[in-house]
C-alpha atoms as a PDB file:
ATOM      1  CA  MET A   1      98.554 -47.556   1.761  1.00  0.00           C
ATOM      2  CA  SER A   2     100.440 -45.484   4.329  1.00  0.00           C
ATOM      3  CA  SER A   3     103.987 -44.584   3.393  1.00  0.00           C
ATOM      4  CA  THR A   4     105.279 -45.711   6.826  1.00  0.00           C
ATOM      5  CA  ALA A   5     104.383 -49.283   8.088  1.00  0.00           C
ATOM      6  CA  SER A   6     103.575 -49.426  11.703  1.00  0.00           C
ATOM      7  CA  PRO A   7     105.886 -51.934  13.777  1.00  0.00           C
ATOM      8  CA  GLN A   8     102.958 -54.304  13.774  1.00  0.00           C
ATOM      9  CA  ASP A   9     102.404 -54.192  10.045  1.00  0.00           C
ATOM     10  CA  ALA A  10     106.209 -54.504   9.337  1.00  0.00           C
ATOM     11  CA  LEU A  11     106.252 -57.580  11.403  1.00  0.00           C
ATOM     12  CA  ARG A  12     103.188 -58.990   9.735  1.00  0.00           C
ATOM     13  CA  ILE A  13     104.831 -58.337   6.298  1.00  0.00           C
ATOM     14  CA  ALA A  14     108.055 -59.932   7.485  1.00  0.00           C
ATOM     15  CA  ASN A  15     106.176 -62.899   8.622  1.00  0.00           C
ATOM     16  CA  ALA A  16     104.484 -63.258   5.333  1.00  0.00           C
ATOM     17  CA  LEU A  17     107.868 -63.121   3.414  1.00  0.00           C
ATOM     18  CA  ALA A  18     109.414 -65.750   5.637  1.00  0.00           C
ATOM     19  CA  ASP A  19     106.391 -67.995   4.996  1.00  0.00           C
ATOM     20  CA  ALA A  20     106.548 -67.579   1.387  1.00  0.00           C
ATOM     21  CA  ALA A  21     110.252 -68.343   1.267  1.00  0.00           C
ATOM     22  CA  ALA A  22     109.931 -71.352   3.338  1.00  0.00           C
ATOM     23  CA  ALA A  23     106.992 -72.743   1.144  1.00  0.00           C
ATOM     24  CA  HIS A  24     109.549 -72.765  -1.716  1.00  0.00           C
ATOM     25  CA  SER A  25     112.719 -73.736   0.001  1.00  0.00           C
ATOM     26  CA  LEU A  26     111.550 -76.706   2.308  1.00  0.00           C
ATOM     27  CA  ARG A  27     109.700 -78.193  -0.762  1.00  0.00           C
ATOM     28  CA  LEU A  28     113.078 -78.519  -2.640  1.00  0.00           C
ATOM     29  CA  PHE A  29     115.232 -79.231   0.445  1.00  0.00           C
ATOM     30  CA  ARG A  30     117.032 -82.571   0.230  1.00  0.00           C
ATOM     31  CA  THR A  31     115.894 -83.023  -3.442  1.00  0.00           C
ATOM     32  CA  PRO A  32     118.162 -83.285  -6.452  1.00  0.00           C
ATOM     33  CA  LEU A  33     118.799 -79.706  -7.544  1.00  0.00           C
ATOM     34  CA  GLU A  34     120.612 -77.829 -10.262  1.00  0.00           C
ATOM     35  CA  VAL A  35     123.382 -75.809  -8.730  1.00  0.00           C
ATOM     36  CA  ILE A  36     124.783 -72.770 -10.438  1.00  0.00           C
ATOM     37  CA  THR A  37     128.009 -71.000  -9.364  1.00  0.00           C
ATOM     38  CA  LYS A  38     127.499 -67.198  -9.459  1.00  0.00           C
ATOM     39  CA  ALA A  39     130.330 -64.675 -10.126  1.00  0.00           C
ATOM     40  CA  ASP A  40     131.129 -64.526  -6.407  1.00  0.00           C
ATOM     41  CA  GLU A  41     131.603 -68.317  -6.427  1.00  0.00           C
ATOM     42  CA  SER A  42     128.615 -68.933  -4.077  1.00  0.00           C
ATOM     43  CA  PRO A  43     126.196 -71.449  -5.326  1.00  0.00           C
ATOM     44  CA  VAL A  44     122.559 -70.654  -6.208  1.00  0.00           C
ATOM     45  CA  THR A  45     119.665 -73.050  -6.725  1.00  0.00           C
ATOM     46  CA  MET A  46     116.144 -73.038  -8.031  1.00  0.00           C
ATOM     47  CA  ALA A  47     114.962 -72.821  -4.528  1.00  0.00           C
ATOM     48  CA  ASP A  48     116.869 -69.623  -3.838  1.00  0.00           C
ATOM     49  CA  ARG A  49     115.560 -67.890  -6.903  1.00  0.00           C
ATOM     50  CA  ALA A  50     111.922 -69.073  -6.448  1.00  0.00           C
ATOM     51  CA  ALA A  51     111.752 -68.218  -2.808  1.00  0.00           C
ATOM     52  CA  GLU A  52     113.022 -64.664  -3.509  1.00  0.00           C
ATOM     53  CA  ALA A  53     110.742 -64.102  -6.343  1.00  0.00           C
ATOM     54  CA  ALA A  54     107.634 -65.074  -3.919  1.00  0.00           C
ATOM     55  CA  MET A  55     108.817 -62.592  -1.446  1.00  0.00           C
ATOM     56  CA  ARG A  56     109.175 -59.755  -3.980  1.00  0.00           C
ATOM     57  CA  GLU A  57     105.749 -60.509  -5.198  1.00  0.00           C
ATOM     58  CA  ILE A  58     104.350 -59.810  -1.654  1.00  0.00           C
ATOM     59  CA  LEU A  59     106.235 -56.632  -1.310  1.00  0.00           C
ATOM     60  CA  GLY A  60     104.875 -55.439  -4.843  1.00  0.00           C
ATOM     61  CA  SER A  61     101.448 -56.020  -3.487  1.00  0.00           C
ATOM     62  CA  GLU A  62     101.815 -54.750   0.141  1.00  0.00           C
ATOM     63  CA  ARG A  63     104.600 -52.154  -0.160  1.00  0.00           C
ATOM     64  CA  PRO A  64     104.935 -51.008  -3.787  1.00  0.00           C
ATOM     65  CA  ALA A  65     106.912 -47.922  -2.908  1.00  0.00           C
ATOM     66  CA  ASP A  66     109.494 -49.490  -0.610  1.00  0.00           C
ATOM     67  CA  GLY A  67     112.962 -50.417  -1.922  1.00  0.00           C
ATOM     68  CA  ILE A  68     114.201 -53.927  -2.139  1.00  0.00           C
ATOM     69  CA  PHE A  69     117.782 -55.097  -1.912  1.00  0.00           C
ATOM     70  CA  GLY A  70     117.718 -58.854  -2.883  1.00  0.00           C
ATOM     71  CA  GLU A  71     120.345 -61.492  -3.328  1.00  0.00           C
ATOM     72  CA  GLU A  72     119.131 -63.231  -6.262  1.00  0.00           C
ATOM     73  CA  HIS A  73     117.107 -60.668  -8.165  1.00  0.00           C
ATOM     74  CA  GLY A  74     118.887 -57.237  -7.801  1.00  0.00           C
ATOM     75  CA  VAL A  75     117.935 -53.939  -6.326  1.00  0.00           C
ATOM     76  CA  ALA A  76     115.117 -51.538  -6.856  1.00  0.00           C
ATOM     77  CA  ARG A  77     114.304 -48.036  -5.393  1.00  0.00           C
ATOM     78  CA  VAL A  78     117.128 -48.493  -2.748  1.00  0.00           C
ATOM     79  CA  ASP A  79     116.898 -44.547  -2.229  1.00  0.00           C
ATOM     80  CA  ALA A  80     113.446 -45.185  -0.609  1.00  0.00           C
ATOM     81  CA  GLU A  81     112.821 -44.263   2.923  1.00  0.00           C
ATOM     82  CA  ALA A  82     111.972 -47.926   3.618  1.00  0.00           C
ATOM     83  CA  VAL A  83     114.243 -50.620   2.052  1.00  0.00           C
ATOM     84  CA  TRP A  84     113.543 -54.495   2.493  1.00  0.00           C
ATOM     85  CA  VAL A  85     116.850 -56.495   2.420  1.00  0.00           C
ATOM     86  CA  LEU A  86     116.267 -60.240   1.505  1.00  0.00           C
ATOM     87  CA  ASP A  87     118.318 -63.287   1.515  1.00  0.00           C
ATOM     88  CA  PRO A  88     115.957 -66.223   0.597  1.00  0.00           C
ATOM     89  CA  ILE A  89     118.454 -69.015   1.638  1.00  0.00           C
ATOM     90  CA  ASP A  90     121.454 -67.831   3.592  1.00  0.00           C
ATOM     91  CA  GLY A  91     123.835 -70.631   3.713  1.00  0.00           C
ATOM     92  CA  THR A  92     123.199 -72.218   0.327  1.00  0.00           C
ATOM     93  CA  ARG A  93     126.176 -74.682   0.711  1.00  0.00           C
ATOM     94  CA  SER A  94     124.349 -75.975   3.865  1.00  0.00           C
ATOM     95  CA  PHE A  95     121.117 -76.307   1.822  1.00  0.00           C
ATOM     96  CA  ILE A  96     122.544 -78.238  -1.147  1.00  0.00           C
ATOM     97  CA  THR A  97     124.335 -80.614   1.321  1.00  0.00           C
ATOM     98  CA  GLY A  98     121.389 -81.522   3.284  1.00  0.00           C
ATOM     99  CA  SER A  99     122.361 -79.480   6.583  1.00  0.00           C
ATOM    100  CA  PRO A 100     119.563 -77.804   8.340  1.00  0.00           C
ATOM    101  CA  LEU A 101     121.613 -74.769   9.211  1.00  0.00           C
ATOM    102  CA  TRP A 102     120.306 -72.465   6.535  1.00  0.00           C
ATOM    103  CA  GLY A 103     117.797 -69.759   6.937  1.00  0.00           C
ATOM    104  CA  THR A 104     115.901 -66.832   5.392  1.00  0.00           C
ATOM    105  CA  LEU A 105     117.283 -63.386   6.335  1.00  0.00           C
ATOM    106  CA  ILE A 106     114.929 -60.276   6.261  1.00  0.00           C
ATOM    107  CA  GLY A 107     115.913 -56.820   7.283  1.00  0.00           C
ATOM    108  CA  LEU A 108     113.806 -53.602   7.085  1.00  0.00           C
ATOM    109  CA  LEU A 109     115.983 -50.434   6.821  1.00  0.00           C
ATOM    110  CA  ARG A 110     114.232 -47.060   7.553  1.00  0.00           C
ATOM    111  CA  GLY A 111     116.477 -43.862   6.744  1.00  0.00           C
ATOM    112  CA  GLY A 112     119.535 -46.331   6.442  1.00  0.00           C
ATOM    113  CA  ARG A 113     119.064 -47.880   9.840  1.00  0.00           C
ATOM    114  CA  VAL A 114     117.708 -51.339  10.633  1.00  0.00           C
ATOM    115  CA  GLU A 115     114.223 -51.231  12.057  1.00  0.00           C
ATOM    116  CA  LEU A 116     113.434 -54.910  11.872  1.00  0.00           C
ATOM    117  CA  GLY A 117     115.661 -58.114  11.629  1.00  0.00           C
ATOM    118  CA  MET A 118     114.644 -61.567  11.104  1.00  0.00           C
ATOM    119  CA  VAL A 119     116.440 -64.974  10.932  1.00  0.00           C
ATOM    120  CA  ASP A 120     114.008 -67.642  10.004  1.00  0.00           C
ATOM    121  CA  MET A 121     115.215 -71.316  10.363  1.00  0.00           C
ATOM    122  CA  PRO A 122     112.568 -73.408   8.455  1.00  0.00           C
ATOM    123  CA  VAL A 123     113.955 -76.857   9.151  1.00  0.00           C
ATOM    124  CA  LEU A 124     114.367 -76.196  12.764  1.00  0.00           C
ATOM    125  CA  GLY A 125     111.092 -74.459  13.087  1.00  0.00           C
ATOM    126  CA  GLU A 126     112.702 -71.365  14.681  1.00  0.00           C
ATOM    127  CA  ARG A 127     111.770 -67.765  13.849  1.00  0.00           C
ATOM    128  CA  TRP A 128     113.944 -65.126  15.487  1.00  0.00           C
ATOM    129  CA  VAL A 129     112.869 -61.540  15.173  1.00  0.00           C
ATOM    130  CA  GLY A 130     113.990 -58.220  16.652  1.00  0.00           C
ATOM    131  CA  GLN A 131     112.417 -54.765  16.329  1.00  0.00           C
ATOM    132  CA  ALA A 132     114.044 -51.533  17.453  1.00  0.00           C
ATOM    133  CA  GLY A 133     112.751 -50.516  20.725  1.00  0.00           C
ATOM    134  CA  LEU A 134     110.642 -53.623  21.013  1.00  0.00           C
ATOM    135  CA  GLY A 135     113.212 -56.329  21.753  1.00  0.00           C
ATOM    136  CA  ALA A 136     113.863 -59.878  20.315  1.00  0.00           C
ATOM    137  CA  GLN A 137     111.868 -62.996  20.309  1.00  0.00           C
ATOM    138  CA  ARG A 138     112.263 -66.608  19.191  1.00  0.00           C
ATOM    139  CA  ASN A 139     108.939 -68.038  18.242  1.00  0.00           C
ATOM    140  CA  GLY A 140     107.174 -65.336  20.397  1.00  0.00           C
ATOM    141  CA  GLN A 141     109.269 -65.890  23.402  1.00  0.00           C
ATOM    142  CA  PRO A 142     111.676 -63.029  24.555  1.00  0.00           C
ATOM    143  CA  VAL A 143     115.536 -63.587  24.172  1.00  0.00           C
ATOM    144  CA  ARG A 144     118.462 -61.661  25.117  1.00  0.00           C
ATOM    145  CA  VAL A 145     122.172 -61.765  24.567  1.00  0.00           C
ATOM    146  CA  SER A 146     124.475 -62.929  27.271  1.00  0.00           C
ATOM    147  CA  ALA A 147     126.201 -60.906  29.848  1.00  0.00           C
ATOM    148  CA  CYS A 148     129.714 -61.965  28.626  1.00  0.00           C
ATOM    149  CA  ASP A 149     132.142 -58.876  28.930  1.00  0.00           C
ATOM    150  CA  SER A 150     135.622 -60.477  28.343  1.00  0.00           C
ATOM    151  CA  VAL A 151     137.291 -62.365  25.356  1.00  0.00           C
ATOM    152  CA  VAL A 152     138.779 -65.004  27.597  1.00  0.00           C
ATOM    153  CA  ALA A 153     135.226 -66.038  28.571  1.00  0.00           C
ATOM    154  CA  ALA A 154     133.660 -65.724  25.091  1.00  0.00           C
ATOM    155  CA  ARG A 155     132.360 -68.497  22.873  1.00  0.00           C
ATOM    156  CA  ILE A 156     133.095 -67.471  19.346  1.00  0.00           C
ATOM    157  CA  PHE A 157     131.673 -68.598  15.987  1.00  0.00           C
ATOM    158  CA  THR A 158     132.440 -68.068  12.319  1.00  0.00           C
ATOM    159  CA  THR A 159     131.003 -69.818   9.254  1.00  0.00           C
ATOM    160  CA  SER A 160     134.223 -71.238   7.922  1.00  0.00           C
ATOM    161  CA  PRO A 161     138.026 -70.418   7.740  1.00  0.00           C
ATOM    162  CA  ASP A 162     137.562 -70.142   3.935  1.00  0.00           C
ATOM    163  CA  ILE A 163     135.748 -67.003   4.093  1.00  0.00           C
ATOM    164  CA  PHE A 164     138.966 -65.043   5.235  1.00  0.00           C
ATOM    165  CA  GLY A 165     141.971 -63.749   3.293  1.00  0.00           C
ATOM    166  CA  PRO A 166     145.224 -64.280   4.877  1.00  0.00           C
ATOM    167  CA  ALA A 167     145.357 -61.053   6.750  1.00  0.00           C
ATOM    168  CA  ASP A 168     141.802 -61.196   8.163  1.00  0.00           C
ATOM    169  CA  TRP A 169     142.401 -64.919   8.954  1.00  0.00           C
ATOM    170  CA  ASP A 170     145.429 -63.887  10.995  1.00  0.00           C
ATOM    171  CA  ALA A 171     143.304 -61.370  12.790  1.00  0.00           C
ATOM    172  CA  PHE A 172     140.531 -63.792  13.482  1.00  0.00           C
ATOM    173  CA  ASP A 173     142.744 -66.496  14.654  1.00  0.00           C
ATOM    174  CA  ARG A 174     144.657 -64.163  17.052  1.00  0.00           C
ATOM    175  CA  LEU A 175     141.213 -63.156  18.588  1.00  0.00           C
ATOM    176  CA  SER A 176     139.615 -66.666  18.567  1.00  0.00           C
ATOM    177  CA  ARG A 177     142.509 -68.392  20.221  1.00  0.00           C
ATOM    178  CA  ARG A 178     142.165 -66.053  23.301  1.00  0.00           C
ATOM    179  CA  CYS A 179     138.544 -67.162  23.692  1.00  0.00           C
ATOM    180  CA  ALA A 180     137.194 -69.823  25.828  1.00  0.00           C
ATOM    181  CA  MET A 181     135.697 -71.854  22.900  1.00  0.00           C
ATOM    182  CA  ARG A 182     135.770 -71.301  19.015  1.00  0.00           C
ATOM    183  CA  ARG A 183     133.432 -73.166  16.584  1.00  0.00           C
ATOM    184  CA  PHE A 184     133.046 -73.101  12.848  1.00  0.00           C
ATOM    185  CA  GLY A 185     129.838 -73.640  10.834  1.00  0.00           C
ATOM    186  CA  GLY A 186     126.280 -72.511  11.367  1.00  0.00           C
ATOM    187  CA  ASP A 187     125.930 -69.832   8.871  1.00  0.00           C
ATOM    188  CA  CYS A 188     123.350 -67.361   9.875  1.00  0.00           C
ATOM    189  CA  TYR A 189     122.214 -69.515  12.753  1.00  0.00           C
ATOM    190  CA  SER A 190     125.242 -68.266  14.720  1.00  0.00           C
ATOM    191  CA  TYR A 191     123.545 -64.904  14.951  1.00  0.00           C
ATOM    192  CA  ALA A 192     120.529 -66.305  16.240  1.00  0.00           C
ATOM    193  CA  GLN A 193     122.593 -68.061  18.969  1.00  0.00           C
ATOM    194  CA  LEU A 194     124.192 -64.893  19.969  1.00  0.00           C
ATOM    195  CA  ALA A 195     120.751 -63.135  20.243  1.00  0.00           C
ATOM    196  CA  GLY A 196     119.636 -66.087  22.252  1.00  0.00           C
ATOM    197  CA  GLY A 197     122.531 -65.895  24.677  1.00  0.00           C
ATOM    198  CA  THR A 198     124.180 -69.310  23.930  1.00  0.00           C
ATOM    199  CA  ILE A 199     127.372 -67.742  22.294  1.00  0.00           C
ATOM    200  CA  ASP A 200     128.837 -64.373  22.660  1.00  0.00           C
ATOM    201  CA  LEU A 201     131.022 -63.472  19.583  1.00  0.00           C
ATOM    202  CA  VAL A 202     130.529 -63.934  15.791  1.00  0.00           C
ATOM    203  CA  VAL A 203     133.271 -62.465  13.620  1.00  0.00           C
ATOM    204  CA  GLU A 204     133.023 -62.767   9.756  1.00  0.00           C
ATOM    205  CA  THR A 205     134.265 -61.137   6.555  1.00  0.00           C
ATOM    206  CA  GLY A 206     133.216 -61.253   2.875  1.00  0.00           C
ATOM    207  CA  LEU A 207     129.717 -60.483   3.584  1.00  0.00           C
ATOM    208  CA  GLN A 208     127.068 -58.753   1.564  1.00  0.00           C
ATOM    209  CA  PRO A 209     124.254 -56.556   3.047  1.00  0.00           C
ATOM    210  CA  TYR A 210     121.666 -59.323   2.686  1.00  0.00           C
ATOM    211  CA  ASP A 211     123.911 -61.416   4.971  1.00  0.00           C
ATOM    212  CA  TYR A 212     124.279 -59.066   7.800  1.00  0.00           C
ATOM    213  CA  LEU A 213     121.449 -56.514   7.951  1.00  0.00           C
ATOM    214  CA  GLY A 214     118.663 -59.031   8.968  1.00  0.00           C
ATOM    215  CA  PRO A 215     120.954 -60.428  11.824  1.00  0.00           C
ATOM    216  CA  ALA A 216     121.986 -56.959  12.828  1.00  0.00           C
ATOM    217  CA  GLY A 217     118.412 -55.972  13.508  1.00  0.00           C
ATOM    218  CA  LEU A 218     117.942 -59.166  15.597  1.00  0.00           C
ATOM    219  CA  ILE A 219     121.092 -58.675  17.572  1.00  0.00           C
ATOM    220  CA  GLU A 220     120.634 -55.008  18.374  1.00  0.00           C
ATOM    221  CA  ALA A 221     117.067 -55.607  19.607  1.00  0.00           C
ATOM    222  CA  ALA A 222     118.253 -58.546  21.767  1.00  0.00           C
ATOM    223  CA  GLY A 223     120.754 -56.036  23.420  1.00  0.00           C
ATOM    224  CA  GLY A 224     123.962 -56.816  21.562  1.00  0.00           C
ATOM    225  CA  VAL A 225     126.429 -55.045  19.463  1.00  0.00           C
ATOM    226  CA  ILE A 226     127.182 -55.428  15.761  1.00  0.00           C
ATOM    227  CA  THR A 227     129.499 -53.264  13.586  1.00  0.00           C
ATOM    228  CA  ASP A 228     132.067 -53.452  10.879  1.00  0.00           C
ATOM    229  CA  TRP A 229     135.598 -54.350  12.151  1.00  0.00           C
ATOM    230  CA  GLU A 230     136.351 -50.515  12.585  1.00  0.00           C
ATOM    231  CA  GLY A 231     133.246 -50.218  14.910  1.00  0.00           C
ATOM    232  CA  ARG A 232     131.212 -48.371  12.324  1.00  0.00           C
ATOM    233  CA  PRO A 233     127.376 -49.108  12.018  1.00  0.00           C
ATOM    234  CA  LEU A 234     126.334 -51.521   9.371  1.00  0.00           C
ATOM    235  CA  GLY A 235     124.501 -50.294   6.445  1.00  0.00           C
ATOM    236  CA  LEU A 236     124.159 -50.978   2.681  1.00  0.00           C
ATOM    237  CA  ALA A 237     127.591 -49.732   1.844  1.00  0.00           C
ATOM    238  CA  SER A 238     129.509 -51.457   4.627  1.00  0.00           C
ATOM    239  CA  ASN A 239     132.635 -53.325   3.658  1.00  0.00           C
ATOM    240  CA  GLY A 240     131.324 -56.876   4.782  1.00  0.00           C
ATOM    241  CA  ARG A 241     133.624 -57.275   7.684  1.00  0.00           C
ATOM    242  CA  VAL A 242     131.293 -57.964  10.769  1.00  0.00           C
ATOM    243  CA  VAL A 243     131.816 -58.215  14.617  1.00  0.00           C
ATOM    244  CA  ALA A 244     128.747 -59.095  16.621  1.00  0.00           C
ATOM    245  CA  ALA A 245     129.286 -59.160  20.415  1.00  0.00           C
ATOM    246  CA  ALA A 246     126.950 -59.849  23.445  1.00  0.00           C
ATOM    247  CA  THR A 247     128.098 -56.762  25.251  1.00  0.00           C
ATOM    248  CA  PRO A 248     129.703 -53.350  24.502  1.00  0.00           C
ATOM    249  CA  ALA A 249     132.805 -54.132  26.662  1.00  0.00           C
ATOM    250  CA  LEU A 250     133.223 -57.637  24.777  1.00  0.00           C
ATOM    251  CA  HIS A 251     132.951 -55.790  21.560  1.00  0.00           C
ATOM    252  CA  ARG A 252     135.568 -53.095  22.375  1.00  0.00           C
ATOM    253  CA  GLU A 253     137.946 -55.951  23.475  1.00  0.00           C
ATOM    254  CA  ALA A 254     137.468 -57.936  20.266  1.00  0.00           C
ATOM    255  CA  LEU A 255     138.055 -54.904  18.038  1.00  0.00           C
ATOM    256  CA  ALA A 256     141.243 -53.987  19.795  1.00  0.00           C
ATOM    257  CA  ILE A 257     142.473 -57.535  19.172  1.00  0.00           C
ATOM    258  CA  LEU A 258     141.382 -57.570  15.500  1.00  0.00           C
ATOM    259  CA  ASN A 259     143.017 -54.224  14.987  1.00  0.00           C
ATOM    260  CA  PRO A 260     146.052 -54.198  17.083  1.00  0.00           C
END
């Protein structure tokens, strides 16, 4: 096995991981589930844990030397050249309440930078994937961010007001009230919408690497910009405050309003 997966092989593995996760999550969607509250107060289910275990089994067979940063089963070899970042069910609250807007997030980092990002939406039947230098696709069809370059014309999303502390909420509220439209909900699907050009801004906080690195690879491949609130590139050590924008001009303006 080569130490470096080709872009084609990386995509093949990512698709296999998403298929394996969906086989477990869809089987348990809208069924009675035991729900456990984790230390960070986010809920976890049997589906979450089983899906990630299936993904890790594939990586153990296909890419045993690669690192893994997973939500449910911890980290392994994160100092490896290639690291897979896995969130089997992003949007667990949506999952346990029967909403279809949950997804599986997969990121592949090489040398600390995102090389591949996937947002898979099993209930919707939509698989969004981006690869550095190769563009982004939804179910095999090319997608690209919008051309929106000003906050006053922007459509902005975030998952919930509840994810913000008081100071960060004040900053988000200040920004979002200048936008043409603001909406709540969507979990990871908001990042897919941004990659597809139907919204223009996503601003969130309190995220973990498995929440933002898969979407980051998708958005960058679709032509967008995604950083932390200080404009720094996202990585495993980022602080969980994320700004994703359709264009550099929109991104700059959003950062200026968030950080007056």
